[in-house]
Amino acid sequence: MTNWISFLAVTQVGSGNGHIEVMTLVTQAGPVVKLVLLILLLMSVISWTIIFSKYFVLRKATRSSDKFLDLYTSSGNFGNLYSNTKHMSGPIAEVFRAGYSEMLKIRKSSSQASEQKAGSEGLAAELGVVELVERALKREMSNQVSKLESSLTFLATTGSSAPFIGLFGTVWGIMTSFIGLAGSEGVPTLQAVAPGIAEALVATAIGLAAAIPAVVAYNYFLSRVRKIDVDMENFSSEFLNIVERYIKKV
């Protein structure tokens, strides 16, 4: 986040006695260009905050899911797994608890209903267990994906809009620079117009500096979320297969 700010603080335009510090250009910019730079600065700060926080969130989610899958592989009983992982966080652990809790509720209600029903009616009630558990699993998977993807929209927005916001500041700065040059006396020279153009181009540079990290981070985080989503889908399918085999045995 502070890389491009440090760059602005030390970068100089020109050489010799006529050099111009870029930070001076920023302080001497017009009100519209300053507003654009302030917006880009806020977007950059928020983007980097999201990048750091989301990195640790996804890393924790991945490690927790891997740990749960190891316990799931070594465990041969859903009841014991549920008890041992009751306080474990992670997307796949939450999906398992949602599915297993739904299965316990259905088993409790179906045992009461089976005393009043018999034959094909009881069998039809049992066959609906898989569908109900599947709905619970999908609902929890959707919730987990929504949590993991939260704030990523801002990164996408920053990546797509920051260059255009910077370009607007550049166009506005160049326009006002030429308007001021047209109203000045004497013959216009490059030395007279160069500071105004350089001042305007700073907005585009900062816009790109805010957008590039946001786009890279967005694509990286989205791929991580998609991987976790695939792992949840695979676990959900395996969980439903086990539930279906259990019902058929009963």
C-alpha atoms as a PDB file:
ATOM      1  CA  MET A   1       0.000   0.000   0.000  1.00  0.00           C
ATOM      2  CA  THR A   2       2.785   2.439   0.858  1.00  0.00           C
ATOM      3  CA  ASN A   3       5.021   1.482  -2.071  1.00  0.00           C
ATOM      4  CA  TRP A   4       3.554   3.965  -4.484  1.00  0.00           C
ATOM      5  CA  ILE A   5       3.271   6.618  -1.756  1.00  0.00           C
ATOM      6  CA  SER A   6       7.017   6.305  -1.119  1.00  0.00           C
ATOM      7  CA  PHE A   7       7.536   6.401  -4.867  1.00  0.00           C
ATOM      8  CA  LEU A   8       5.694   9.710  -5.057  1.00  0.00           C
ATOM      9  CA  ALA A   9       7.703  11.114  -2.185  1.00  0.00           C
ATOM     10  CA  VAL A  10      11.108  10.511  -3.756  1.00  0.00           C
ATOM     11  CA  THR A  11      10.503  10.523  -7.523  1.00  0.00           C
ATOM     12  CA  GLN A  12      11.604  13.623  -9.385  1.00  0.00           C
ATOM     13  CA  VAL A  13      10.768  14.900 -12.825  1.00  0.00           C
ATOM     14  CA  GLY A  14      13.459  16.578 -14.874  1.00  0.00           C
ATOM     15  CA  SER A  15      17.119  17.064 -14.082  1.00  0.00           C
ATOM     16  CA  GLY A  16      19.466  19.733 -12.878  1.00  0.00           C
ATOM     17  CA  ASN A  17      18.129  22.815 -11.144  1.00  0.00           C
ATOM     18  CA  GLY A  18      14.753  22.540 -12.848  1.00  0.00           C
ATOM     19  CA  HIS A  19      13.688  19.219 -11.359  1.00  0.00           C
ATOM     20  CA  ILE A  20      10.163  18.876  -9.937  1.00  0.00           C
ATOM     21  CA  GLU A  21       9.235  16.500  -7.142  1.00  0.00           C
ATOM     22  CA  VAL A  22       6.118  14.456  -7.861  1.00  0.00           C
ATOM     23  CA  MET A  23       4.852  15.088  -4.341  1.00  0.00           C
ATOM     24  CA  THR A  24       4.977  18.787  -5.138  1.00  0.00           C
ATOM     25  CA  LEU A  25       2.808  18.156  -8.185  1.00  0.00           C
ATOM     26  CA  VAL A  26       0.251  16.423  -5.974  1.00  0.00           C
ATOM     27  CA  THR A  27       0.126  19.271  -3.457  1.00  0.00           C
ATOM     28  CA  GLN A  28      -0.183  21.855  -6.231  1.00  0.00           C
ATOM     29  CA  ALA A  29      -2.925  19.947  -8.083  1.00  0.00           C
ATOM     30  CA  GLY A  30      -6.369  21.385  -8.551  1.00  0.00           C
ATOM     31  CA  PRO A  31      -9.289  20.520  -6.249  1.00  0.00           C
ATOM     32  CA  VAL A  32     -10.810  18.000  -8.667  1.00  0.00           C
ATOM     33  CA  VAL A  33      -7.511  16.152  -9.149  1.00  0.00           C
ATOM     34  CA  LYS A  34      -6.920  16.157  -5.388  1.00  0.00           C
ATOM     35  CA  LEU A  35     -10.389  14.690  -4.855  1.00  0.00           C
ATOM     36  CA  VAL A  36      -9.605  11.959  -7.378  1.00  0.00           C
ATOM     37  CA  LEU A  37      -6.300  11.202  -5.654  1.00  0.00           C
ATOM     38  CA  LEU A  38      -8.036  11.047  -2.264  1.00  0.00           C
ATOM     39  CA  ILE A  39     -10.628   8.587  -3.598  1.00  0.00           C
ATOM     40  CA  LEU A  40      -7.894   6.400  -5.079  1.00  0.00           C
ATOM     41  CA  LEU A  41      -5.929   6.528  -1.831  1.00  0.00           C
ATOM     42  CA  LEU A  42      -8.960   5.382   0.172  1.00  0.00           C
ATOM     43  CA  MET A  43      -9.672   2.606  -2.321  1.00  0.00           C
ATOM     44  CA  SER A  44      -6.061   1.453  -2.110  1.00  0.00           C
ATOM     45  CA  VAL A  45      -6.043   1.446   1.703  1.00  0.00           C
ATOM     46  CA  ILE A  46      -9.302  -0.523   1.878  1.00  0.00           C
ATOM     47  CA  SER A  47      -8.098  -2.951  -0.801  1.00  0.00           C
ATOM     48  CA  TRP A  48      -4.869  -3.725   1.037  1.00  0.00           C
ATOM     49  CA  THR A  49      -6.792  -4.172   4.296  1.00  0.00           C
ATOM     50  CA  ILE A  50      -9.068  -6.686   2.581  1.00  0.00           C
ATOM     51  CA  ILE A  51      -6.100  -8.416   0.948  1.00  0.00           C
ATOM     52  CA  PHE A  52      -4.287  -9.019   4.235  1.00  0.00           C
ATOM     53  CA  SER A  53      -7.388 -10.039   6.188  1.00  0.00           C
ATOM     54  CA  LYS A  54      -8.731 -12.312   3.445  1.00  0.00           C
ATOM     55  CA  TYR A  55      -5.369 -14.020   3.062  1.00  0.00           C
ATOM     56  CA  PHE A  56      -5.354 -15.106   6.708  1.00  0.00           C
ATOM     57  CA  VAL A  57      -9.040 -16.063   6.615  1.00  0.00           C
ATOM     58  CA  LEU A  58      -8.590 -18.337   3.602  1.00  0.00           C
ATOM     59  CA  ARG A  59      -5.394 -19.829   4.974  1.00  0.00           C
ATOM     60  CA  LYS A  60      -7.153 -20.670   8.230  1.00  0.00           C
ATOM     61  CA  ALA A  61     -10.136 -22.112   6.347  1.00  0.00           C
ATOM     62  CA  THR A  62      -7.874 -24.320   4.226  1.00  0.00           C
ATOM     63  CA  ARG A  63      -5.901 -25.617   7.191  1.00  0.00           C
ATOM     64  CA  SER A  64      -9.054 -26.282   9.226  1.00  0.00           C
ATOM     65  CA  SER A  65     -10.645 -28.151   6.327  1.00  0.00           C
ATOM     66  CA  ASP A  66      -7.540 -30.278   5.800  1.00  0.00           C
ATOM     67  CA  LYS A  67      -7.420 -31.101   9.505  1.00  0.00           C
ATOM     68  CA  PHE A  68     -11.106 -32.085   9.504  1.00  0.00           C
ATOM     69  CA  LEU A  69     -10.687 -34.296   6.435  1.00  0.00           C
ATOM     70  CA  ASP A  70      -7.831 -36.095   8.158  1.00  0.00           C
ATOM     71  CA  LEU A  71     -10.071 -36.784  11.167  1.00  0.00           C
ATOM     72  CA  TYR A  72     -12.916 -37.796   8.861  1.00  0.00           C
ATOM     73  CA  THR A  73     -10.709 -40.281   7.038  1.00  0.00           C
ATOM     74  CA  SER A  74      -9.446 -41.869  10.254  1.00  0.00           C
ATOM     75  CA  SER A  75     -12.873 -41.938  11.923  1.00  0.00           C
ATOM     76  CA  GLY A  76     -15.344 -44.720  11.266  1.00  0.00           C
ATOM     77  CA  ASN A  77     -18.327 -43.291  13.112  1.00  0.00           C
ATOM     78  CA  PHE A  78     -20.239 -40.092  12.431  1.00  0.00           C
ATOM     79  CA  GLY A  79     -21.246 -39.775  16.069  1.00  0.00           C
ATOM     80  CA  ASN A  80     -17.668 -39.817  17.309  1.00  0.00           C
ATOM     81  CA  LEU A  81     -16.581 -37.466  14.531  1.00  0.00           C
ATOM     82  CA  TYR A  82     -19.361 -35.061  15.429  1.00  0.00           C
ATOM     83  CA  SER A  83     -18.337 -35.085  19.103  1.00  0.00           C
ATOM     84  CA  ASN A  84     -14.622 -34.685  18.369  1.00  0.00           C
ATOM     85  CA  THR A  85     -15.081 -31.835  15.876  1.00  0.00           C
ATOM     86  CA  LYS A  86     -17.932 -30.014  17.585  1.00  0.00           C
ATOM     87  CA  HIS A  87     -15.791 -26.943  18.285  1.00  0.00           C
ATOM     88  CA  MET A  88     -13.662 -27.153  15.137  1.00  0.00           C
ATOM     89  CA  SER A  89     -14.021 -24.330  12.645  1.00  0.00           C
ATOM     90  CA  GLY A  90     -13.693 -24.594   8.878  1.00  0.00           C
ATOM     91  CA  PRO A  91     -16.064 -24.774   5.914  1.00  0.00           C
ATOM     92  CA  ILE A  92     -16.120 -28.572   5.546  1.00  0.00           C
ATOM     93  CA  ALA A  93     -16.565 -29.073   9.292  1.00  0.00           C
ATOM     94  CA  GLU A  94     -19.547 -26.706   9.235  1.00  0.00           C
ATOM     95  CA  VAL A  95     -21.039 -28.566   6.268  1.00  0.00           C
ATOM     96  CA  PHE A  96     -20.645 -31.888   8.073  1.00  0.00           C
ATOM     97  CA  ARG A  97     -22.313 -30.565  11.230  1.00  0.00           C
ATOM     98  CA  ALA A  98     -25.197 -29.164   9.222  1.00  0.00           C
ATOM     99  CA  GLY A  99     -25.770 -32.474   7.429  1.00  0.00           C
ATOM    100  CA  TYR A 100     -25.364 -34.642  10.504  1.00  0.00           C
ATOM    101  CA  SER A 101     -27.622 -32.409  12.624  1.00  0.00           C
ATOM    102  CA  GLU A 102     -30.289 -32.570   9.935  1.00  0.00           C
ATOM    103  CA  MET A 103     -29.966 -36.352   9.813  1.00  0.00           C
ATOM    104  CA  LEU A 104     -30.413 -36.572  13.600  1.00  0.00           C
ATOM    105  CA  LYS A 105     -33.544 -34.414  13.440  1.00  0.00           C
ATOM    106  CA  ILE A 106     -35.009 -36.537  10.656  1.00  0.00           C
ATOM    107  CA  ARG A 107     -34.154 -39.765  12.474  1.00  0.00           C
ATOM    108  CA  LYS A 108     -35.884 -38.526  15.623  1.00  0.00           C
ATOM    109  CA  SER A 109     -39.013 -37.372  13.803  1.00  0.00           C
ATOM    110  CA  SER A 110     -39.154 -40.457  11.559  1.00  0.00           C
ATOM    111  CA  SER A 111     -38.880 -42.831  14.529  1.00  0.00           C
ATOM    112  CA  GLN A 112     -41.948 -41.243  16.016  1.00  0.00           C
ATOM    113  CA  ALA A 113     -43.802 -41.294  12.729  1.00  0.00           C
ATOM    114  CA  SER A 114     -42.871 -44.911  11.987  1.00  0.00           C
ATOM    115  CA  GLU A 115     -44.941 -46.050  14.957  1.00  0.00           C
ATOM    116  CA  GLN A 116     -48.039 -44.654  13.283  1.00  0.00           C
ATOM    117  CA  LYS A 117     -47.188 -45.586   9.718  1.00  0.00           C
ATOM    118  CA  ALA A 118     -46.359 -48.916   8.126  1.00  0.00           C
ATOM    119  CA  GLY A 119     -45.419 -50.518   4.831  1.00  0.00           C
ATOM    120  CA  SER A 120     -44.909 -48.272   1.829  1.00  0.00           C
ATOM    121  CA  GLU A 121     -45.723 -45.063   3.695  1.00  0.00           C
ATOM    122  CA  GLY A 122     -42.842 -45.626   6.121  1.00  0.00           C
ATOM    123  CA  LEU A 123     -40.505 -46.507   3.242  1.00  0.00           C
ATOM    124  CA  ALA A 124     -41.472 -43.322   1.381  1.00  0.00           C
ATOM    125  CA  ALA A 125     -40.740 -41.274   4.485  1.00  0.00           C
ATOM    126  CA  GLU A 126     -37.270 -42.860   4.782  1.00  0.00           C
ATOM    127  CA  LEU A 127     -36.462 -42.240   1.121  1.00  0.00           C
ATOM    128  CA  GLY A 128     -36.990 -38.498   1.683  1.00  0.00           C
ATOM    129  CA  VAL A 129     -34.118 -38.353   4.178  1.00  0.00           C
ATOM    130  CA  VAL A 130     -31.446 -38.070   1.501  1.00  0.00           C
ATOM    131  CA  GLU A 131     -33.182 -35.121  -0.141  1.00  0.00           C
ATOM    132  CA  LEU A 132     -33.605 -33.299   3.162  1.00  0.00           C
ATOM    133  CA  VAL A 133     -29.984 -33.867   4.139  1.00  0.00           C
ATOM    134  CA  GLU A 134     -28.847 -32.744   0.677  1.00  0.00           C
ATOM    135  CA  ARG A 135     -30.789 -29.496   1.059  1.00  0.00           C
ATOM    136  CA  ALA A 136     -29.154 -28.865   4.429  1.00  0.00           C
ATOM    137  CA  LEU A 137     -25.710 -29.516   2.965  1.00  0.00           C
ATOM    138  CA  LYS A 138     -26.289 -27.215  -0.011  1.00  0.00           C
ATOM    139  CA  ARG A 139     -27.664 -24.489   2.220  1.00  0.00           C
ATOM    140  CA  GLU A 140     -24.602 -24.603   4.458  1.00  0.00           C
ATOM    141  CA  MET A 141     -22.216 -24.749   1.482  1.00  0.00           C
ATOM    142  CA  SER A 142     -23.871 -21.655   0.067  1.00  0.00           C
ATOM    143  CA  ASN A 143     -23.445 -19.867   3.408  1.00  0.00           C
ATOM    144  CA  GLN A 144     -19.778 -20.832   3.616  1.00  0.00           C
ATOM    145  CA  VAL A 145     -19.032 -19.676   0.070  1.00  0.00           C
ATOM    146  CA  SER A 146     -20.793 -16.375   0.759  1.00  0.00           C
ATOM    147  CA  LYS A 147     -18.615 -15.836   3.840  1.00  0.00           C
ATOM    148  CA  LEU A 148     -15.422 -16.660   1.975  1.00  0.00           C
ATOM    149  CA  GLU A 149     -16.334 -14.398  -0.952  1.00  0.00           C
ATOM    150  CA  SER A 150     -17.320 -11.463   1.238  1.00  0.00           C
ATOM    151  CA  SER A 151     -15.399  -8.246   0.447  1.00  0.00           C
ATOM    152  CA  LEU A 152     -14.018  -9.695  -2.795  1.00  0.00           C
ATOM    153  CA  THR A 153     -16.518  -7.564  -4.705  1.00  0.00           C
ATOM    154  CA  PHE A 154     -14.716  -4.448  -3.524  1.00  0.00           C
ATOM    155  CA  LEU A 155     -11.431  -5.758  -4.930  1.00  0.00           C
ATOM    156  CA  ALA A 156     -13.105  -6.407  -8.270  1.00  0.00           C
ATOM    157  CA  THR A 157     -14.662  -2.944  -8.217  1.00  0.00           C
ATOM    158  CA  THR A 158     -11.329  -1.329  -7.412  1.00  0.00           C
ATOM    159  CA  GLY A 159      -9.556  -3.262 -10.144  1.00  0.00           C
ATOM    160  CA  SER A 160     -12.076  -2.242 -12.779  1.00  0.00           C
ATOM    161  CA  SER A 161     -12.851   1.351 -11.750  1.00  0.00           C
ATOM    162  CA  ALA A 162      -9.605   2.747 -10.301  1.00  0.00           C
ATOM    163  CA  PRO A 163      -7.865   3.167 -13.707  1.00  0.00           C
ATOM    164  CA  PHE A 164     -10.882   5.053 -15.060  1.00  0.00           C
ATOM    165  CA  ILE A 165     -11.075   7.265 -11.982  1.00  0.00           C
ATOM    166  CA  GLY A 166      -7.392   8.062 -12.418  1.00  0.00           C
ATOM    167  CA  LEU A 167      -7.942   8.686 -16.120  1.00  0.00           C
ATOM    168  CA  PHE A 168     -10.724  11.131 -15.279  1.00  0.00           C
ATOM    169  CA  GLY A 169      -8.324  13.039 -13.037  1.00  0.00           C
ATOM    170  CA  THR A 170      -5.738  13.067 -15.827  1.00  0.00           C
ATOM    171  CA  VAL A 171      -8.172  14.339 -18.440  1.00  0.00           C
ATOM    172  CA  TRP A 172      -9.463  17.009 -16.097  1.00  0.00           C
ATOM    173  CA  GLY A 173      -5.941  18.126 -15.151  1.00  0.00           C
ATOM    174  CA  ILE A 174      -4.773  18.348 -18.776  1.00  0.00           C
ATOM    175  CA  MET A 175      -7.927  20.219 -19.738  1.00  0.00           C
ATOM    176  CA  THR A 176      -7.503  22.831 -17.003  1.00  0.00           C
ATOM    177  CA  SER A 177      -3.804  23.080 -17.830  1.00  0.00           C
ATOM    178  CA  PHE A 178      -4.472  23.936 -21.465  1.00  0.00           C
ATOM    179  CA  ILE A 179      -7.258  26.329 -20.514  1.00  0.00           C
ATOM    180  CA  GLY A 180      -4.855  28.198 -18.236  1.00  0.00           C
ATOM    181  CA  LEU A 181      -2.197  28.161 -20.934  1.00  0.00           C
ATOM    182  CA  ALA A 182      -4.588  29.630 -23.474  1.00  0.00           C
ATOM    183  CA  GLY A 183      -5.359  32.550 -21.191  1.00  0.00           C
ATOM    184  CA  SER A 184      -1.728  33.363 -20.463  1.00  0.00           C
ATOM    185  CA  GLU A 185       0.269  36.056 -22.208  1.00  0.00           C
ATOM    186  CA  GLY A 186       3.248  35.417 -24.411  1.00  0.00           C
ATOM    187  CA  VAL A 187       4.209  32.432 -26.516  1.00  0.00           C
ATOM    188  CA  PRO A 188       3.365  29.064 -24.856  1.00  0.00           C
ATOM    189  CA  THR A 189       6.387  26.879 -24.204  1.00  0.00           C
ATOM    190  CA  LEU A 190       6.807  23.234 -23.257  1.00  0.00           C
ATOM    191  CA  GLN A 191       8.345  24.288 -19.948  1.00  0.00           C
ATOM    192  CA  ALA A 192       5.154  26.155 -19.083  1.00  0.00           C
ATOM    193  CA  VAL A 193       2.749  23.306 -19.878  1.00  0.00           C
ATOM    194  CA  ALA A 194       4.854  20.350 -18.719  1.00  0.00           C
ATOM    195  CA  PRO A 195       4.193  20.701 -14.954  1.00  0.00           C
ATOM    196  CA  GLY A 196       0.432  20.758 -15.516  1.00  0.00           C
ATOM    197  CA  ILE A 197       0.514  17.652 -17.720  1.00  0.00           C
ATOM    198  CA  ALA A 198       2.809  15.833 -15.303  1.00  0.00           C
ATOM    199  CA  GLU A 199       0.468  16.748 -12.455  1.00  0.00           C
ATOM    200  CA  ALA A 200      -2.453  15.279 -14.352  1.00  0.00           C
ATOM    201  CA  LEU A 201      -0.642  12.054 -15.273  1.00  0.00           C
ATOM    202  CA  VAL A 202       0.011  11.318 -11.596  1.00  0.00           C
ATOM    203  CA  ALA A 203      -3.696  10.488 -11.223  1.00  0.00           C
ATOM    204  CA  THR A 204      -3.484   7.748 -13.857  1.00  0.00           C
ATOM    205  CA  ALA A 205      -0.329   6.314 -12.275  1.00  0.00           C
ATOM    206  CA  ILE A 206      -1.961   6.135  -8.852  1.00  0.00           C
ATOM    207  CA  GLY A 207      -5.110   4.647 -10.371  1.00  0.00           C
ATOM    208  CA  LEU A 208      -3.070   1.834 -11.899  1.00  0.00           C
ATOM    209  CA  ALA A 209      -1.124   1.372  -8.652  1.00  0.00           C
ATOM    210  CA  ALA A 210      -4.423   0.870  -6.803  1.00  0.00           C
ATOM    211  CA  ALA A 211      -5.994  -1.375  -9.454  1.00  0.00           C
ATOM    212  CA  ILE A 212      -3.195  -3.857 -10.213  1.00  0.00           C
ATOM    213  CA  PRO A 213      -2.837  -5.344  -6.691  1.00  0.00           C
ATOM    214  CA  ALA A 214      -6.637  -5.504  -6.360  1.00  0.00           C
ATOM    215  CA  VAL A 215      -7.031  -7.473  -9.605  1.00  0.00           C
ATOM    216  CA  VAL A 216      -4.197  -9.880  -8.780  1.00  0.00           C
ATOM    217  CA  ALA A 217      -5.524 -10.477  -5.258  1.00  0.00           C
ATOM    218  CA  TYR A 218      -9.103 -10.920  -6.493  1.00  0.00           C
ATOM    219  CA  ASN A 219      -8.141 -13.619  -8.981  1.00  0.00           C
ATOM    220  CA  TYR A 220      -5.946 -15.378  -6.420  1.00  0.00           C
ATOM    221  CA  PHE A 221      -8.589 -15.365  -3.687  1.00  0.00           C
ATOM    222  CA  LEU A 222     -11.315 -16.428  -6.087  1.00  0.00           C
ATOM    223  CA  SER A 223      -9.294 -19.476  -7.108  1.00  0.00           C
ATOM    224  CA  ARG A 224      -8.769 -20.361  -3.427  1.00  0.00           C
ATOM    225  CA  VAL A 225     -12.497 -20.078  -2.731  1.00  0.00           C
ATOM    226  CA  ARG A 226     -13.327 -22.224  -5.758  1.00  0.00           C
ATOM    227  CA  LYS A 227     -10.945 -24.927  -4.500  1.00  0.00           C
ATOM    228  CA  ILE A 228     -12.593 -24.940  -1.078  1.00  0.00           C
ATOM    229  CA  ASP A 229     -15.989 -25.053  -2.786  1.00  0.00           C
ATOM    230  CA  VAL A 230     -14.924 -28.111  -4.797  1.00  0.00           C
ATOM    231  CA  ASP A 231     -13.712 -29.806  -1.611  1.00  0.00           C
ATOM    232  CA  MET A 232     -17.073 -29.133   0.021  1.00  0.00           C
ATOM    233  CA  GLU A 233     -18.889 -30.535  -3.008  1.00  0.00           C
ATOM    234  CA  ASN A 234     -16.801 -33.705  -2.940  1.00  0.00           C
ATOM    235  CA  PHE A 235     -17.332 -34.169   0.788  1.00  0.00           C
ATOM    236  CA  SER A 236     -21.069 -33.540   0.414  1.00  0.00           C
ATOM    237  CA  SER A 237     -21.377 -36.197  -2.304  1.00  0.00           C
ATOM    238  CA  GLU A 238     -19.507 -38.753  -0.210  1.00  0.00           C
ATOM    239  CA  PHE A 239     -21.562 -37.898   2.866  1.00  0.00           C
ATOM    240  CA  LEU A 240     -24.830 -38.366   0.950  1.00  0.00           C
ATOM    241  CA  ASN A 241     -23.642 -41.722  -0.390  1.00  0.00           C
ATOM    242  CA  ILE A 242     -22.982 -42.936   3.140  1.00  0.00           C
ATOM    243  CA  VAL A 243     -26.383 -41.688   4.302  1.00  0.00           C
ATOM    244  CA  GLU A 244     -28.097 -43.416   1.399  1.00  0.00           C
ATOM    245  CA  ARG A 245     -26.350 -46.738   2.090  1.00  0.00           C
ATOM    246  CA  TYR A 246     -27.282 -46.478   5.755  1.00  0.00           C
ATOM    247  CA  ILE A 247     -30.950 -45.931   4.917  1.00  0.00           C
ATOM    248  CA  LYS A 248     -31.006 -48.874   2.551  1.00  0.00           C
ATOM    249  CA  LYS A 249     -29.585 -51.129   5.273  1.00  0.00           C
ATOM    250  CA  VAL A 250     -32.286 -49.961   7.639  1.00  0.00           C
END
